[in-house]
Amino acid sequence: MFIHYRGRDFMRHETGTFVATGGIPLFTQAWLPEEEPKAGLVIVHGFGEHSGRYGNVVEFLVPRKYAIYTFDLRGHGRSPGPRGHVDRWDDYVEDVNAFLRHVRERLGPQPLFLFGHSMGGLIALDYALRHPEGLNGVIASGPVLAQPGVSPLLLMASRALSKVLPRTTFDTHLDATALSRDPEVVRAYQEDPLVHSLATARLGTELNNAIQRVHERASEWRLPLLILHGRADRLAPVEGSRAFIQNVPVEDKTLIEYPDGYHEPHNDIQKAVVLRDLEKWLDVHIS
């Protein structure tokens, strides 16, 4: 199901749902240029947030004839499911697989790229290691590839409870001031009713297992890769991205670090530079 309505003069905005793993209907959004798109970009959002927080990317790329498709992960945003919970990490990966099939049916033969931010960056990397076919490249923004910036005691409790009480829910007390140096971004995040900071014991252990697995399989990477990361990221330390890309064997790999940058490069004060870097890389890889 999609609801069509006109957004700004240069784009159409659509919302709807698609059927994901286990038959769960996940909320989707798309922003489409009025002209035929030259490529599509699928966005996988991060922990605790939702698909509506990528306005800077949308407003920059759609006028440049990129179609943007995204969805709310289970347990996030307008999608159903216990907040911050996943039974198994593979549910996320399979949801991305189902959504990409859904997008491909609508986009047609144009090039298609996968963009993941934070936990979504980890999901995107894990997905592309398993299913590189059909993608022209992957962009990971501030991916969680090192121990995330949460309490060690919380991580210990998560590991202890994951098998016996997997839906035990913790408040991670995510520090919104670590997202961006722009106070308006921080304020909007804090006031957003669709944002949460909840994580279950199972999600905590599944995420840490995924970090280890993605690093172990880095040598199997086959796609063009761009990683965008702020050097001052306190939520997903940049050292994880450095270690991963060093072990990726393809020549077509790029890590761009932003001095003093925080966790959300596309929402930080250097966002204009980040978006130009993203566009330049996408344009090169369309062919």
Protein backbone atom coordinates (compact mmCIF):
# COMPACT_ATOMS: atom_id res chain seq x y z
CA MET A 1 0.00 0.00 0.00
CA PHE A 2 1.28 3.45 -0.87
CA ILE A 3 -0.17 6.90 -0.33
CA HIS A 4 0.95 9.34 -2.99
CA TYR A 5 1.14 13.06 -2.49
CA ARG A 6 3.25 15.88 -3.83
CA GLY A 7 6.00 17.15 -1.58
CA ARG A 8 8.21 19.97 -2.77
CA ASP A 9 8.04 21.05 -6.39
CA PHE A 10 10.92 18.79 -7.36
CA MET A 11 9.76 15.57 -5.68
CA ARG A 12 6.92 13.23 -4.84
CA HIS A 13 6.60 11.68 -1.39
CA GLU A 14 5.04 8.25 -0.89
CA THR A 15 4.31 6.30 2.28
CA GLY A 16 3.06 2.78 2.75
CA THR A 17 4.02 -0.65 4.05
CA PHE A 18 5.69 -3.78 2.78
CA VAL A 19 5.52 -7.32 4.11
CA ALA A 20 8.76 -8.23 5.86
CA THR A 21 10.11 -11.39 7.49
CA GLY A 22 7.42 -13.29 9.41
CA GLY A 23 4.64 -11.36 7.70
CA ILE A 24 5.16 -8.17 9.71
CA PRO A 25 4.11 -4.96 7.86
CA LEU A 26 6.89 -2.38 8.06
CA PHE A 27 6.35 1.32 7.40
CA THR A 28 8.01 2.67 4.26
CA GLN A 29 8.71 6.05 2.69
CA ALA A 30 9.98 7.12 -0.72
CA TRP A 31 10.98 10.47 -2.16
CA LEU A 32 11.01 10.46 -5.95
CA PRO A 33 12.18 13.07 -8.47
CA GLU A 34 9.62 14.33 -10.97
CA GLU A 35 11.92 13.13 -13.76
CA GLU A 36 12.96 9.52 -14.22
CA PRO A 37 15.59 8.79 -11.57
CA LYS A 38 19.15 8.07 -12.60
CA ALA A 39 19.63 5.77 -9.58
CA GLY A 40 18.02 4.63 -6.35
CA LEU A 41 19.31 4.87 -2.79
CA VAL A 42 17.90 2.65 -0.03
CA ILE A 43 18.47 4.01 3.49
CA VAL A 44 18.62 1.82 6.61
CA HIS A 45 18.32 4.02 9.71
CA GLY A 46 20.07 3.64 13.04
CA PHE A 47 19.14 2.44 16.52
CA GLY A 48 16.27 4.23 18.23
CA GLU A 49 15.47 6.55 15.33
CA HIS A 50 13.38 6.22 12.17
CA SER A 51 13.23 6.77 8.43
CA GLY A 52 12.01 10.36 8.70
CA ARG A 53 15.32 11.74 10.00
CA TYR A 54 17.12 11.88 6.63
CA GLY A 55 15.70 15.11 5.29
CA ASN A 56 19.13 16.54 4.50
CA VAL A 57 19.97 13.55 2.31
CA VAL A 58 16.55 13.64 0.64
CA GLU A 59 16.56 17.36 -0.11
CA PHE A 60 20.09 17.22 -1.51
CA LEU A 61 19.89 14.09 -3.68
CA VAL A 62 16.32 14.02 -5.01
CA PRO A 63 16.73 17.26 -7.03
CA ARG A 64 19.81 15.57 -8.50
CA LYS A 65 17.57 12.78 -9.81
CA TYR A 66 18.15 10.17 -7.12
CA ALA A 67 15.14 8.22 -5.83
CA ILE A 68 15.28 7.65 -2.06
CA TYR A 69 13.61 4.64 -0.47
CA THR A 70 13.60 3.81 3.23
CA PHE A 71 11.65 2.01 5.94
CA ASP A 72 11.31 1.86 9.72
CA LEU A 73 13.03 -1.15 11.23
CA ARG A 74 10.88 -3.46 13.32
CA GLY A 75 10.56 -2.06 16.82
CA HIS A 76 11.26 1.46 15.55
CA GLY A 77 9.33 4.48 14.29
CA ARG A 78 5.96 3.66 12.77
CA SER A 79 6.69 -0.05 12.37
CA PRO A 80 5.24 -2.61 14.81
CA GLY A 81 7.16 -4.70 17.30
CA PRO A 82 8.49 -4.22 20.84
CA ARG A 83 10.62 -1.08 20.96
CA GLY A 84 14.30 -1.81 20.45
CA HIS A 85 13.87 -5.57 20.16
CA VAL A 86 14.76 -8.16 17.57
CA ASP A 87 14.45 -11.93 18.07
CA ARG A 88 17.48 -12.54 15.88
CA TRP A 89 19.81 -10.27 13.91
CA ASP A 90 18.95 -12.14 10.72
CA ASP A 91 15.46 -10.62 10.90
CA TYR A 92 17.02 -7.23 10.14
CA VAL A 93 19.09 -8.64 7.28
CA GLU A 94 16.13 -10.48 5.77
CA ASP A 95 13.94 -7.38 6.11
CA VAL A 96 16.49 -5.44 4.04
CA ASN A 97 16.48 -8.23 1.48
CA ALA A 98 12.69 -8.11 1.20
CA PHE A 99 12.69 -4.31 0.97
CA LEU A 100 15.33 -4.28 -1.78
CA ARG A 101 13.20 -6.68 -3.82
CA HIS A 102 10.25 -4.36 -3.23
CA VAL A 103 12.29 -1.35 -4.37
CA ARG A 104 13.74 -3.09 -7.40
CA GLU A 105 10.23 -3.82 -8.68
CA ARG A 106 9.47 -0.11 -8.56
CA LEU A 107 12.81 1.35 -9.60
CA GLY A 108 13.43 -0.82 -12.64
CA PRO A 109 16.94 -1.38 -14.06
CA GLN A 110 18.58 1.79 -12.72
CA PRO A 111 21.63 1.47 -10.45
CA LEU A 112 20.79 0.79 -6.81
CA PHE A 113 22.86 1.67 -3.74
CA LEU A 114 22.48 0.71 -0.09
CA PHE A 115 23.09 3.39 2.58
CA GLY A 116 23.12 2.48 6.25
CA HIS A 117 23.70 4.71 9.25
CA SER A 118 24.95 3.65 12.71
CA MET A 119 23.30 0.30 13.54
CA GLY A 120 21.80 0.54 10.05
CA GLY A 121 25.35 0.78 8.71
CA LEU A 122 26.20 -2.48 10.44
CA ILE A 123 23.04 -4.06 9.03
CA ALA A 124 23.91 -2.82 5.53
CA LEU A 125 27.46 -4.18 5.70
CA ASP A 126 26.26 -7.54 7.00
CA TYR A 127 23.61 -7.69 4.28
CA ALA A 128 26.07 -6.87 1.48
CA LEU A 129 28.53 -9.49 2.67
CA ARG A 130 25.79 -12.09 2.28
CA HIS A 131 23.95 -10.70 -0.76
CA PRO A 132 26.19 -8.46 -2.90
CA GLU A 133 24.21 -9.23 -6.05
CA GLY A 134 22.02 -6.44 -7.42
CA LEU A 135 23.83 -3.60 -5.65
CA ASN A 136 26.12 -1.05 -7.28
CA GLY A 137 27.74 -0.10 -4.00
CA VAL A 138 27.31 0.44 -0.26
CA ILE A 139 27.64 3.57 1.88
CA ALA A 140 28.06 3.18 5.64
CA SER A 141 27.63 6.33 7.75
CA GLY A 142 29.03 6.19 11.28
CA PRO A 143 28.62 2.39 11.30
CA VAL A 144 28.69 0.57 14.64
CA LEU A 145 31.85 -1.48 14.11
CA ALA A 146 33.35 -1.04 17.57
CA GLN A 147 31.97 -1.25 21.07
CA PRO A 148 29.07 1.25 21.08
CA GLY A 149 29.09 4.12 23.53
CA VAL A 150 26.85 2.60 26.20
CA SER A 151 27.47 1.53 29.79
CA PRO A 152 29.67 -1.59 30.19
CA LEU A 153 27.37 -2.68 33.03
CA LEU A 154 24.43 -2.51 30.62
CA LEU A 155 26.29 -4.70 28.14
CA MET A 156 27.09 -7.25 30.85
CA ALA A 157 23.45 -7.37 31.97
CA SER A 158 22.36 -7.73 28.35
CA ARG A 159 24.61 -10.75 27.81
CA ALA A 160 23.43 -12.37 31.04
CA LEU A 161 19.73 -12.01 30.25
CA SER A 162 19.69 -12.56 26.49
CA LYS A 163 18.98 -16.30 26.62
CA VAL A 164 16.73 -16.48 29.68
CA LEU A 165 14.79 -13.19 29.47
CA PRO A 166 15.55 -11.89 25.97
CA ARG A 167 12.89 -9.17 25.99
CA THR A 168 14.15 -7.54 29.17
CA THR A 169 14.27 -3.87 28.20
CA PHE A 170 16.90 -1.35 29.19
CA ASP A 171 17.07 2.38 28.67
CA THR A 172 20.42 3.03 27.01
CA HIS A 173 20.22 6.73 27.94
CA LEU A 174 21.64 7.57 24.54
CA ASP A 175 23.34 10.97 24.69
CA ALA A 176 21.57 13.08 22.09
CA THR A 177 24.28 15.73 22.28
CA ALA A 178 26.68 13.19 20.74
CA LEU A 179 24.65 13.05 17.52
CA SER A 180 25.53 16.45 16.11
CA ARG A 181 27.18 19.77 16.93
CA ASP A 182 24.08 21.49 15.57
CA PRO A 183 21.84 22.30 18.58
CA GLU A 184 18.73 22.30 16.36
CA VAL A 185 19.40 18.67 15.37
CA VAL A 186 19.78 17.72 19.04
CA ARG A 187 16.61 19.57 20.03
CA ALA A 188 14.57 17.99 17.21
CA TYR A 189 15.79 14.54 18.22
CA GLN A 190 14.92 15.09 21.87
CA GLU A 191 11.42 16.29 20.96
CA ASP A 192 10.71 13.62 18.34
CA PRO A 193 7.93 11.30 19.59
CA LEU A 194 9.08 8.52 17.25
CA VAL A 195 12.57 8.36 18.77
CA HIS A 196 13.39 6.04 21.68
CA SER A 197 16.48 4.85 23.57
CA LEU A 198 15.23 1.38 24.50
CA ALA A 199 17.06 -1.87 23.78
CA THR A 200 16.33 -5.39 24.87
CA ALA A 201 18.88 -7.87 26.14
CA ARG A 202 18.59 -9.86 22.93
CA LEU A 203 19.24 -6.86 20.69
CA GLY A 204 22.37 -6.05 22.68
CA THR A 205 23.90 -9.49 22.24
CA GLU A 206 22.79 -9.81 18.62
CA LEU A 207 24.37 -6.45 17.76
CA ASN A 208 27.69 -7.37 19.39
CA ASN A 209 27.72 -10.74 17.62
CA ALA A 210 27.07 -8.96 14.33
CA ILE A 211 30.02 -6.60 14.88
CA GLN A 212 32.34 -9.56 15.41
CA ARG A 213 30.95 -11.45 12.41
CA VAL A 214 31.24 -8.50 10.01
CA HIS A 215 34.87 -7.94 10.98
CA GLU A 216 35.64 -11.64 10.58
CA ARG A 217 34.18 -11.62 7.06
CA ALA A 218 35.72 -8.34 5.90
CA SER A 219 38.06 -10.25 3.56
CA GLU A 220 34.99 -11.51 1.65
CA TRP A 221 33.84 -7.99 0.69
CA ARG A 222 33.25 -7.54 -3.07
CA LEU A 223 31.36 -4.25 -3.67
CA PRO A 224 32.43 -0.60 -4.01
CA LEU A 225 32.41 0.81 -0.48
CA LEU A 226 32.23 4.29 1.00
CA ILE A 227 32.41 4.88 4.75
CA LEU A 228 31.67 8.33 6.20
CA HIS A 229 32.68 8.80 9.83
CA GLY A 230 33.22 11.65 12.27
CA ARG A 231 36.50 11.46 14.17
CA ALA A 232 34.82 12.69 17.36
CA ASP A 233 32.02 10.09 17.19
CA ARG A 234 31.39 9.01 20.80
CA LEU A 235 28.56 6.58 19.95
CA ALA A 236 30.29 4.50 17.26
CA PRO A 237 34.06 4.98 17.50
CA VAL A 238 35.81 5.57 14.17
CA GLU A 239 38.42 2.92 15.01
CA GLY A 240 35.88 0.26 14.02
CA SER A 241 35.55 1.69 10.51
CA ARG A 242 39.33 1.97 10.16
CA ALA A 243 39.82 -1.67 11.13
CA PHE A 244 37.07 -2.93 8.82
CA ILE A 245 38.11 -1.06 5.69
CA GLN A 246 41.74 -2.01 6.18
CA ASN A 247 40.72 -5.67 5.83
CA VAL A 248 38.45 -5.14 2.81
CA PRO A 249 40.32 -6.57 -0.22
CA VAL A 250 38.77 -4.52 -3.06
CA GLU A 251 40.58 -1.48 -4.43
CA ASP A 252 37.35 0.51 -4.72
CA LYS A 253 37.04 1.43 -1.05
CA THR A 254 37.02 4.85 0.58
CA LEU A 255 36.94 6.00 4.20
CA ILE A 256 36.29 9.71 4.65
CA GLU A 257 36.84 11.01 8.18
CA TYR A 258 35.50 14.39 9.24
CA PRO A 259 37.70 16.16 11.81
CA ASP A 260 35.73 16.94 14.98
CA GLY A 261 32.66 15.33 13.37
CA TYR A 262 30.01 13.74 15.57
CA HIS A 263 27.87 10.63 15.03
CA GLU A 264 25.55 11.82 12.24
CA PRO A 265 27.71 13.25 9.43
CA HIS A 266 24.66 14.12 7.32
CA ASN A 267 23.17 16.12 10.22
CA ASP A 268 26.33 17.68 11.62
CA ILE A 269 27.60 21.20 10.95
CA GLN A 270 29.78 19.94 8.07
CA LYS A 271 26.77 18.34 6.35
CA ALA A 272 27.26 20.32 3.11
CA VAL A 273 30.71 18.77 2.67
CA VAL A 274 29.40 15.30 3.55
CA LEU A 275 26.54 15.50 1.06
CA ARG A 276 28.86 16.66 -1.71
CA ASP A 277 31.21 13.77 -0.92
CA LEU A 278 28.28 11.38 -1.08
CA GLU A 279 27.02 12.78 -4.39
CA LYS A 280 30.46 12.68 -5.98
CA TRP A 281 30.95 9.04 -5.00
CA LEU A 282 27.46 8.04 -6.22
CA ASP A 283 27.89 9.82 -9.56
CA VAL A 284 31.19 8.02 -10.18
CA HIS A 285 29.62 4.65 -9.43
CA ILE A 286 26.42 4.98 -11.42
CA SER A 287 28.21 3.58 -14.45
